[in-house]
N, C-alpha and C. Protein backbone atom coordinates (compact mmCIF):
# COMPACT_ATOMS: atom_id res chain seq x y z
N MET A 1 -19.36 6.27 -6.42
CA MET A 1 -19.43 6.54 -5.11
C MET A 1 -19.26 4.76 -4.59
N MET A 2 -20.11 4.09 -5.18
CA MET A 2 -20.04 2.59 -4.75
C MET A 2 -18.70 2.06 -5.26
N LEU A 3 -18.28 2.34 -6.46
CA LEU A 3 -16.92 1.77 -6.66
C LEU A 3 -16.06 2.11 -5.95
N ARG A 4 -15.51 3.14 -5.47
CA ARG A 4 -14.79 3.51 -4.49
C ARG A 4 -14.75 2.76 -3.12
N PHE A 5 -16.08 2.73 -2.83
CA PHE A 5 -16.40 1.88 -1.18
C PHE A 5 -15.93 0.54 -1.71
N LEU A 6 -16.27 -0.32 -2.78
CA LEU A 6 -15.72 -1.74 -3.16
C LEU A 6 -14.04 -1.77 -3.23
N LEU A 7 -13.50 -0.48 -3.95
CA LEU A 7 -12.24 -0.64 -3.80
C LEU A 7 -11.30 -0.59 -2.73
N LEU A 8 -11.99 0.34 -1.86
CA LEU A 8 -11.38 0.63 -0.36
C LEU A 8 -11.84 -0.90 0.47
N MET A 9 -12.89 -1.61 0.37
CA MET A 9 -13.26 -2.91 1.01
C MET A 9 -12.05 -3.79 0.59
N MET A 10 -11.58 -3.89 -0.97
CA MET A 10 -10.99 -4.88 -1.37
C MET A 10 -9.60 -4.52 -0.82
N PHE A 11 -8.94 -3.05 -0.85
CA PHE A 11 -7.78 -3.11 -0.06
C PHE A 11 -7.93 -3.62 1.16
N LEU A 12 -8.91 -3.29 2.05
CA LEU A 12 -8.91 -3.63 3.72
C LEU A 12 -8.95 -4.99 3.70
N MET A 13 -9.80 -5.85 3.07
CA MET A 13 -10.23 -7.20 3.20
C MET A 13 -9.03 -8.39 2.98
N ALA A 14 -8.89 -9.50 3.59
CA ALA A 14 -7.99 -10.25 3.00
C ALA A 14 -9.11 -11.49 2.40
N GLY A 15 -8.16 -12.03 1.31
CA GLY A 15 -8.80 -13.09 0.41
C GLY A 15 -8.13 -14.36 1.18
N PRO A 16 -8.86 -15.52 0.38
CA PRO A 16 -8.68 -16.92 1.03
C PRO A 16 -7.08 -17.20 1.07
N PHE A 17 -6.43 -16.60 -0.48
CA PHE A 17 -5.06 -16.96 -0.23
C PHE A 17 -4.36 -15.85 0.04
N ALA A 18 -4.30 -14.87 1.03
CA ALA A 18 -3.79 -13.86 1.30
C ALA A 18 -2.36 -13.71 1.46
N VAL A 19 -1.90 -12.81 1.22
CA VAL A 19 -0.32 -12.58 1.88
C VAL A 19 -0.05 -12.19 3.29
N HIS A 20 0.52 -12.78 3.59
CA HIS A 20 0.72 -12.60 5.28
C HIS A 20 2.23 -12.61 5.72
N ALA A 21 2.44 -11.48 6.33
CA ALA A 21 3.78 -11.12 6.83
C ALA A 21 4.47 -12.27 7.25
N LYS A 22 4.08 -12.90 7.94
CA LYS A 22 4.79 -14.15 8.29
C LYS A 22 5.48 -15.24 7.49
N ASP A 23 4.92 -14.97 6.27
CA ASP A 23 5.46 -15.61 5.12
C ASP A 23 6.79 -15.01 4.58
N ALA A 24 6.71 -13.81 4.69
CA ALA A 24 7.76 -13.33 4.13
C ALA A 24 8.82 -13.18 4.79
N PRO A 25 10.40 -13.50 4.52
CA PRO A 25 11.51 -13.76 5.77
C PRO A 25 12.29 -12.53 5.44
N ASP A 26 11.99 -11.45 4.38
CA ASP A 26 12.37 -10.28 4.59
C ASP A 26 11.79 -9.33 3.91
N PRO A 27 11.89 -7.80 4.22
CA PRO A 27 11.25 -6.66 3.58
C PRO A 27 11.18 -6.95 1.93
N VAL A 28 11.78 -7.14 1.03
CA VAL A 28 11.74 -7.37 -0.26
C VAL A 28 10.80 -8.53 -0.54
N ALA A 29 10.58 -9.79 0.03
CA ALA A 29 9.98 -10.74 -0.21
C ALA A 29 8.56 -10.26 0.56
N LEU A 30 8.36 -9.44 1.30
CA LEU A 30 7.09 -9.34 1.76
C LEU A 30 6.44 -8.37 0.50
N ILE A 31 7.15 -7.27 -0.02
CA ILE A 31 6.62 -6.41 -0.94
C ILE A 31 6.59 -7.46 -2.36
N GLN A 32 7.45 -8.35 -2.62
CA GLN A 32 7.37 -8.85 -3.76
C GLN A 32 5.81 -10.05 -3.75
N SER A 33 5.42 -10.26 -2.41
CA SER A 33 4.60 -11.30 -2.11
C SER A 33 3.08 -10.42 -2.68
N ILE A 34 3.26 -9.29 -2.15
CA ILE A 34 2.03 -8.41 -2.55
C ILE A 34 1.99 -8.13 -4.07
N TYR A 35 3.02 -7.66 -4.52
CA TYR A 35 2.89 -7.60 -6.10
C TYR A 35 2.62 -8.62 -7.07
N LYS A 36 3.30 -9.92 -6.29
CA LYS A 36 2.56 -11.12 -7.28
C LYS A 36 1.34 -11.11 -7.52
N SER A 37 0.37 -10.81 -6.53
CA SER A 37 -1.04 -10.87 -6.77
C SER A 37 -1.90 -9.50 -7.53
N TYR A 38 -0.82 -8.92 -8.08
CA TYR A 38 -1.23 -7.95 -8.82
C TYR A 38 -0.76 -8.07 -10.30
N MET A 39 0.01 -8.86 -10.52
CA MET A 39 0.97 -9.31 -12.18
C MET A 39 -0.21 -10.54 -12.44
N GLY A 40 -1.03 -11.20 -11.41
CA GLY A 40 -1.95 -12.24 -12.38
C GLY A 40 -2.99 -11.78 -12.97
N LYS A 41 -3.75 -12.95 -13.41
CA LYS A 41 -5.08 -12.67 -13.79
C LYS A 41 -6.12 -11.23 -13.26
N PRO A 42 -6.84 -10.52 -13.89
CA PRO A 42 -7.62 -9.26 -13.32
C PRO A 42 -8.61 -9.52 -12.37
N GLY A 43 -8.53 -8.89 -11.32
CA GLY A 43 -9.66 -9.10 -10.36
C GLY A 43 -8.97 -8.76 -9.07
N SER A 44 -9.34 -8.94 -7.83
CA SER A 44 -9.06 -8.67 -6.36
C SER A 44 -7.62 -9.18 -6.06
N PRO A 45 -6.76 -8.28 -5.88
CA PRO A 45 -5.64 -9.30 -5.19
C PRO A 45 -5.78 -9.33 -3.92
N ASP A 46 -5.02 -10.41 -3.43
CA ASP A 46 -5.47 -11.09 -2.11
C ASP A 46 -4.30 -10.31 -1.14
N VAL A 47 -4.50 -9.38 -0.50
CA VAL A 47 -3.65 -8.49 0.34
C VAL A 47 -4.20 -8.79 1.61
N ASP A 48 -3.52 -9.35 2.80
CA ASP A 48 -4.28 -9.22 4.03
C ASP A 48 -3.61 -8.33 4.92
N SER A 49 -4.60 -7.11 4.95
CA SER A 49 -4.08 -5.81 5.62
C SER A 49 -4.17 -6.32 6.88
N VAL A 50 -4.43 -7.12 7.63
CA VAL A 50 -4.15 -7.56 9.09
C VAL A 50 -2.93 -7.80 9.62
N ASN A 51 -2.29 -8.38 8.75
CA ASN A 51 -1.18 -9.15 9.04
C ASN A 51 0.37 -8.10 8.20
N ILE A 52 -0.22 -7.38 7.27
CA ILE A 52 0.91 -6.95 6.52
C ILE A 52 1.44 -5.47 7.10
N TYR A 53 0.48 -4.94 7.88
CA TYR A 53 0.94 -3.40 8.25
C TYR A 53 1.26 -3.48 9.83
N SER A 54 2.07 -2.33 9.97
CA SER A 54 2.68 -2.19 11.43
C SER A 54 1.48 -1.95 12.37
N ARG A 55 1.49 -2.02 13.49
CA ARG A 55 0.56 -1.59 14.29
C ARG A 55 0.16 0.14 14.13
N ARG A 56 1.02 0.77 13.83
CA ARG A 56 0.82 2.18 13.97
C ARG A 56 -0.07 2.28 12.29
N LEU A 57 0.36 1.65 11.36
CA LEU A 57 -0.53 1.89 10.10
C LEU A 57 -1.91 1.39 10.18
N LYS A 58 -2.11 0.10 11.11
CA LYS A 58 -3.10 -0.71 10.98
C LYS A 58 -4.12 0.26 11.91
N ALA A 59 -3.58 0.83 12.78
CA ALA A 59 -4.47 1.50 13.72
C ALA A 59 -4.79 2.54 12.86
N LEU A 60 -4.25 3.55 12.27
CA LEU A 60 -4.65 4.85 10.96
C LEU A 60 -5.50 4.15 9.98
N LEU A 61 -5.41 3.03 9.59
CA LEU A 61 -6.49 2.53 8.82
C LEU A 61 -8.03 1.81 9.55
N ASP A 62 -7.67 1.65 10.80
CA ASP A 62 -8.93 1.31 11.26
C ASP A 62 -9.73 2.43 11.66
N ALA A 63 -8.84 3.35 11.86
CA ALA A 63 -9.58 4.68 12.55
C ALA A 63 -10.62 5.42 11.45
N ASP A 64 -9.69 5.19 10.19
CA ASP A 64 -10.25 5.94 8.93
C ASP A 64 -11.53 4.90 8.81
N GLU A 65 -11.57 3.92 8.62
CA GLU A 65 -12.62 3.12 8.32
C GLU A 65 -14.00 3.21 9.32
N LYS A 66 -13.60 3.07 10.74
CA LYS A 66 -14.37 3.65 11.55
C LYS A 66 -15.16 5.18 10.85
N ALA A 67 -14.41 5.95 10.61
CA ALA A 67 -14.79 7.29 10.42
C ALA A 67 -15.80 7.43 9.37
N ALA A 68 -15.37 6.72 8.63
CA ALA A 68 -16.10 6.68 7.35
C ALA A 68 -17.78 6.12 7.52
N GLN A 69 -17.79 5.53 8.53
CA GLN A 69 -19.43 4.87 8.72
C GLN A 69 -19.84 3.95 7.32
N GLY A 70 -19.09 3.41 6.81
CA GLY A 70 -19.59 2.57 5.65
C GLY A 70 -19.21 2.95 4.32
N GLU A 71 -18.83 4.27 4.19
CA GLU A 71 -18.87 4.99 3.17
C GLU A 71 -17.27 5.25 2.70
N VAL A 72 -16.74 5.77 1.93
CA VAL A 72 -15.36 5.69 1.56
C VAL A 72 -14.67 6.73 2.47
N GLY A 73 -13.60 6.10 2.76
CA GLY A 73 -12.97 7.09 3.75
C GLY A 73 -11.98 8.19 3.21
N ALA A 74 -10.94 8.12 3.65
CA ALA A 74 -9.79 9.48 3.17
C ALA A 74 -9.05 8.74 1.89
N LEU A 75 -9.02 7.26 2.00
CA LEU A 75 -8.41 6.89 0.75
C LEU A 75 -9.25 6.39 -0.06
N GLU A 76 -9.18 6.69 -1.36
CA GLU A 76 -10.19 6.80 -2.47
C GLU A 76 -9.38 5.79 -3.62
N PHE A 77 -8.26 5.41 -3.61
CA PHE A 77 -7.54 4.40 -4.28
C PHE A 77 -6.47 3.34 -3.88
N ASP A 78 -6.13 2.56 -4.57
CA ASP A 78 -5.51 1.18 -4.32
C ASP A 78 -3.82 1.86 -4.00
N VAL A 79 -3.19 2.09 -2.93
CA VAL A 79 -2.10 2.61 -2.68
C VAL A 79 -0.78 1.71 -3.41
N PHE A 80 -1.15 0.36 -3.60
CA PHE A 80 0.18 -0.37 -4.16
C PHE A 80 0.05 0.00 -5.60
N VAL A 81 -0.83 0.54 -6.34
CA VAL A 81 -1.10 0.76 -7.79
C VAL A 81 -1.29 2.14 -8.05
N ASP A 82 -1.33 3.05 -7.23
CA ASP A 82 -1.58 4.36 -7.06
C ASP A 82 -2.68 4.82 -8.21
N GLY A 83 -3.57 4.06 -8.14
CA GLY A 83 -5.16 4.23 -8.98
C GLY A 83 -6.00 3.27 -8.75
N GLN A 84 -7.05 3.13 -9.20
CA GLN A 84 -8.23 2.13 -9.00
C GLN A 84 -8.44 0.95 -9.93
N ASP A 85 -7.50 1.09 -11.10
CA ASP A 85 -7.47 -0.01 -11.89
C ASP A 85 -6.04 -0.27 -12.29
N TRP A 86 -5.50 -1.63 -12.66
CA TRP A 86 -4.18 -1.77 -12.86
C TRP A 86 -3.74 -2.65 -13.95
N LYS A 87 -3.09 -2.42 -14.49
CA LYS A 87 -2.31 -3.27 -15.70
C LYS A 87 -0.80 -3.15 -15.61
N LEU A 88 -0.23 -3.83 -14.89
CA LEU A 88 1.12 -3.49 -14.49
C LEU A 88 2.38 -4.29 -15.40
N THR A 89 3.28 -3.63 -15.52
CA THR A 89 4.46 -4.08 -16.45
C THR A 89 5.56 -3.36 -16.15
N LYS A 90 6.93 -4.10 -16.33
CA LYS A 90 7.90 -3.65 -15.98
C LYS A 90 8.36 -3.34 -14.57
N LEU A 91 7.72 -4.32 -13.66
CA LEU A 91 7.82 -4.23 -11.96
C LEU A 91 9.18 -4.27 -11.64
N LYS A 92 9.66 -3.59 -10.89
CA LYS A 92 11.16 -3.53 -10.31
C LYS A 92 10.82 -3.54 -8.75
N ILE A 93 11.48 -4.40 -8.03
CA ILE A 93 11.79 -4.02 -6.52
C ILE A 93 13.09 -4.02 -5.90
N ALA A 94 13.27 -3.12 -5.53
CA ALA A 94 14.60 -3.00 -4.69
C ALA A 94 14.84 -2.34 -3.41
N LEU A 95 15.59 -3.19 -2.83
CA LEU A 95 16.04 -2.71 -1.25
C LEU A 95 16.92 -1.75 -1.45
N LEU A 96 16.32 -0.52 -0.46
CA LEU A 96 16.93 0.54 -0.41
C LEU A 96 17.81 0.78 0.88
N SER A 97 17.20 0.36 2.14
CA SER A 97 18.26 0.24 3.36
C SER A 97 17.59 -0.56 3.69
N ASN A 98 18.60 -1.53 4.74
CA ASN A 98 18.00 -2.17 6.01
C ASN A 98 18.97 -1.98 7.08
N SER A 99 18.29 -1.67 8.22
CA SER A 99 19.17 -1.34 9.33
C SER A 99 19.00 -2.59 10.45
N GLY A 100 18.05 -3.54 10.35
CA GLY A 100 17.72 -4.54 11.11
C GLY A 100 16.56 -4.41 11.46
N ALA A 101 16.22 -3.56 11.86
CA ALA A 101 14.60 -3.16 12.32
C ALA A 101 13.56 -2.53 11.62
N ARG A 102 14.10 -1.66 10.74
CA ARG A 102 13.89 -0.87 9.58
C ARG A 102 14.37 -1.25 8.30
N ALA A 103 13.66 -1.17 7.58
CA ALA A 103 13.82 -1.18 5.79
C ALA A 103 13.00 -0.37 5.05
N LYS A 104 13.61 0.00 3.98
CA LYS A 104 12.97 0.88 2.94
C LYS A 104 13.03 0.01 1.33
N VAL A 105 12.06 -0.05 0.93
CA VAL A 105 12.00 -0.62 -0.46
C VAL A 105 11.55 0.30 -1.43
N ARG A 106 11.68 0.18 -2.88
CA ARG A 106 11.23 1.05 -4.02
C ARG A 106 10.47 -0.05 -4.80
N VAL A 107 9.59 0.46 -5.19
CA VAL A 107 8.78 -0.42 -6.22
C VAL A 107 8.71 0.48 -7.37
N THR A 108 8.85 0.26 -8.69
CA THR A 108 8.72 0.77 -9.76
C THR A 108 8.27 -0.04 -10.79
N PHE A 109 7.31 0.50 -11.50
CA PHE A 109 6.47 0.07 -12.59
C PHE A 109 5.58 0.90 -13.50
N ASN A 110 5.28 0.30 -14.58
CA ASN A 110 4.26 1.21 -15.39
C ASN A 110 2.86 0.36 -15.22
N ASN A 111 1.92 1.28 -15.05
CA ASN A 111 0.46 1.13 -14.65
C ASN A 111 -0.24 1.59 -16.22
N PHE A 112 -0.66 0.48 -16.58
CA PHE A 112 -1.51 1.16 -18.16
C PHE A 112 -0.51 2.15 -18.67
N LYS A 113 0.94 1.88 -18.62
CA LYS A 113 1.79 2.64 -19.68
C LYS A 113 2.39 3.74 -18.63
N THR A 114 2.06 4.46 -17.56
CA THR A 114 1.96 5.21 -16.70
C THR A 114 3.29 5.26 -15.75
N PRO A 115 4.28 5.49 -15.65
CA PRO A 115 5.59 5.17 -14.89
C PRO A 115 5.06 5.59 -13.15
N GLU A 116 5.46 4.70 -12.59
CA GLU A 116 4.79 5.01 -11.22
C GLU A 116 6.39 4.45 -10.30
N GLU A 117 6.35 5.32 -9.24
CA GLU A 117 7.24 4.80 -8.35
C GLU A 117 6.87 4.91 -6.90
N ILE A 118 6.72 3.71 -5.79
CA ILE A 118 6.14 3.76 -4.79
C ILE A 118 7.39 3.36 -3.57
N ASN A 119 7.41 4.08 -2.39
CA ASN A 119 8.29 3.70 -1.44
C ASN A 119 7.48 3.10 -0.03
N PHE A 120 8.12 2.10 0.29
CA PHE A 120 7.65 1.52 1.64
C PHE A 120 8.29 1.56 2.71
N ASP A 121 8.19 2.05 3.79
CA ASP A 121 9.05 1.73 4.92
C ASP A 121 8.42 0.62 5.64
N LEU A 122 9.23 -0.37 6.11
CA LEU A 122 9.05 -1.40 6.92
C LEU A 122 9.49 -1.40 8.24
N VAL A 123 9.23 -1.88 9.54
CA VAL A 123 9.46 -2.44 10.14
C VAL A 123 9.39 -3.72 11.15
N GLU A 124 10.16 -4.08 11.72
CA GLU A 124 10.02 -5.54 12.19
C GLU A 124 9.28 -5.54 13.39
N GLU A 125 8.35 -6.38 13.35
CA GLU A 125 7.37 -6.23 14.95
C GLU A 125 7.12 -7.72 14.97
N ASN A 126 7.55 -8.06 15.87
CA ASN A 126 7.38 -9.67 16.57
C ASN A 126 7.88 -10.71 15.41
N ASP A 127 9.31 -10.21 15.22
CA ASP A 127 9.71 -11.13 14.41
C ASP A 127 9.50 -11.30 12.78
N GLN A 128 8.60 -10.41 12.38
CA GLN A 128 8.08 -10.29 11.21
C GLN A 128 7.93 -8.78 10.43
N TRP A 129 8.20 -8.85 9.08
CA TRP A 129 8.51 -7.65 8.58
C TRP A 129 6.38 -6.94 8.27
N HIS A 130 6.65 -5.74 8.69
CA HIS A 130 5.17 -5.16 8.27
C HIS A 130 5.42 -3.71 7.75
N ILE A 131 4.55 -3.30 7.23
CA ILE A 131 4.73 -2.12 6.26
C ILE A 131 4.07 -0.86 7.11
N ASP A 132 5.02 0.06 7.34
CA ASP A 132 4.53 1.08 8.21
C ASP A 132 4.49 2.62 7.63
N GLU A 133 5.04 2.61 6.35
CA GLU A 133 4.37 3.95 5.64
C GLU A 133 4.39 3.43 4.12
N VAL A 134 3.70 4.04 3.24
CA VAL A 134 3.69 3.98 1.76
C VAL A 134 3.62 5.58 1.15
N SER A 135 4.56 5.54 0.60
CA SER A 135 4.39 7.08 -0.21
C SER A 135 4.78 7.05 -1.79
N SER A 136 4.13 7.74 -2.64
CA SER A 136 4.39 7.80 -3.81
C SER A 136 5.20 9.01 -4.13
N MET A 137 6.20 8.69 -5.14
CA MET A 137 7.55 9.70 -5.40
C MET A 137 7.02 10.18 -6.78
N LYS A 138 5.71 10.02 -7.29
CA LYS A 138 5.69 10.41 -8.75
C LYS A 138 5.45 11.53 -9.03
N LYS A 139 6.30 12.37 -9.96
CA LYS A 139 6.37 13.63 -10.01
C LYS A 139 4.92 14.34 -10.08
N GLY A 140 4.44 15.23 -9.63
CA GLY A 140 3.28 15.74 -9.88
C GLY A 140 2.23 14.91 -8.93
N ARG A 141 2.15 14.23 -8.53
CA ARG A 141 1.30 13.52 -7.41
C ARG A 141 2.15 12.61 -6.70
N ARG A 142 2.99 13.12 -5.63
CA ARG A 142 3.53 12.63 -4.54
C ARG A 142 2.33 12.64 -3.41
N TRP A 143 2.37 11.53 -2.70
CA TRP A 143 1.28 11.53 -1.40
C TRP A 143 2.15 10.62 -0.45
N VAL A 144 1.43 10.61 0.69
CA VAL A 144 1.94 9.79 1.78
C VAL A 144 0.66 9.06 2.64
N LEU A 145 0.74 8.01 2.81
CA LEU A 145 -0.20 7.00 3.49
C LEU A 145 -0.70 7.62 4.35
N SER A 146 0.17 7.88 5.45
CA SER A 146 -0.34 8.16 6.85
C SER A 146 -0.91 9.25 6.95
N LYS A 147 -0.52 10.42 6.14
CA LYS A 147 -1.06 11.68 6.21
C LYS A 147 -2.40 11.50 5.46
N ILE A 148 -2.30 11.00 4.53
CA ILE A 148 -3.88 10.88 3.60
C ILE A 148 -4.82 10.06 4.73
N LEU A 149 -4.56 9.23 5.37
CA LEU A 149 -5.39 8.87 6.47
C LEU A 149 -5.85 9.90 7.59
N SER A 150 -4.83 10.34 8.11
CA SER A 150 -4.76 11.13 9.23
C SER A 150 -5.49 12.65 8.69
N ARG A 151 -5.69 12.67 7.18
CA ARG A 151 -6.34 13.94 6.70
C ARG A 151 -5.01 15.28 6.73
N ALA A 152 -3.86 14.99 6.81
CA ALA A 152 -2.96 16.07 7.10
C ALA A 152 -2.96 17.14 5.73
N PRO A 153 -2.79 18.07 6.18
CA PRO A 153 -2.85 19.28 4.79
C PRO A 153 -1.82 18.99 3.86
N ASP A 154 -0.84 18.48 4.21
CA ASP A 154 0.29 18.04 3.02
C ASP A 154 0.68 16.77 2.62
N ALA A 155 -0.87 15.94 2.94
CA ALA A 155 -0.84 14.43 2.44
C ALA A 155 -0.39 14.44 0.73
N PHE A 156 -0.71 15.20 -0.04
CA PHE A 156 -0.47 15.51 -1.40
C PHE A 156 0.12 16.83 -1.53
N PRO A 157 1.36 16.71 -1.43
CA PRO A 157 2.24 17.91 -1.64
C PRO A 157 2.19 18.79 -2.70
N ASP A 158 2.10 17.79 -3.75
CA ASP A 158 2.12 18.37 -5.02
C ASP A 158 0.59 19.43 -5.43
N GLU A 159 -0.28 19.05 -5.03
CA GLU A 159 -1.64 20.03 -5.21
C GLU A 159 -1.46 21.10 -4.64
N ALA A 160 -1.95 21.89 -5.26
CA ALA A 160 -2.53 23.73 -5.40
C ALA A 160 -3.23 23.70 -3.54
N LYS A 161 -2.88 24.60 -2.77
CA LYS A 161 -3.40 24.91 -1.72
C LYS A 161 -4.48 25.97 -2.21
């Protein structure tokens, strides 16, 4: 239980050399900067959740953290790697669409040799790109972050009801 709490806090807290949305000139650059921190030495990635999430997604994260009252909330894994531990290889980041104020980026990689595919929906707010949704497309383990945080029954559509 404590490991899950620590992982959640790691996910939500910013490090001293954190990724900032203002440092990313386009949606792909934002996602590249996040994954760069996962490709280095093992340990806590420096992801600044205050600046990389849209107002909508940040509000859901904050509400989940408040409801958890210091315990693990609805999110029990790191969404960037779809797990609690990582050793990423074969990382590929591709822009799927960009309509000016909205974009979609696909990330594929192997985590401990297991193929993963994660999609990011991004929005431009205050002239900066922010993550508005994260979803796993992995067959048999699909999920949608906002639905997990809001405890929607279809957050994990591949799970038996």
